[in-house]
Amino acid sequence: MEYAVVYDMIGQYVVPTITKWAGNGTNDQLYKTFEGAVDVIALRLATDDKIGYDAWVRDDALATGIASAYRVQFGQEYFGMALLPQVGTGIVVLGVDEAGQTFGLTLEQAQEVKDNLVVEKWPAINND
């Protein structure tokens, strides 16, 4: 059984869920999930002893007019910002090997992602 960790945005709340993922149709599944193109954030690079994790991010959120800035941090390995939709699925995390092949996660890997990936709305700065 293969899994993915899906991050849904509901206003200021981000809800991570471990869900079943069919490995054979990864591109088709991503297209159906995001209804279009995606960007990729490399959360952790694949090495000899660890698989990598890629966060597939909805890239049309800004065009919809409902995007917000979110802080994305995976332990000590990645820190950045992404423009994500305020409502709906914003991120799907899958595994990646050294050759760049994408695949579903084991349940243990999915739990590691869920435990270590922090996605939260970027705090607004009030300059009044």
Foldseek 3Di string as FASTA:
>chain_A
DFWKWWWWAAAQDIDIDIDDDDFPPVVVVVCVQLVDAWDKDWQAPADPVGWTKIKTFNDCQVVVVQWAKKWKHFAVRDTDIDTAGNGGITIIMFTAHNVGRTGGHDPVVNVSCVVGIDIGTDDDDDPD
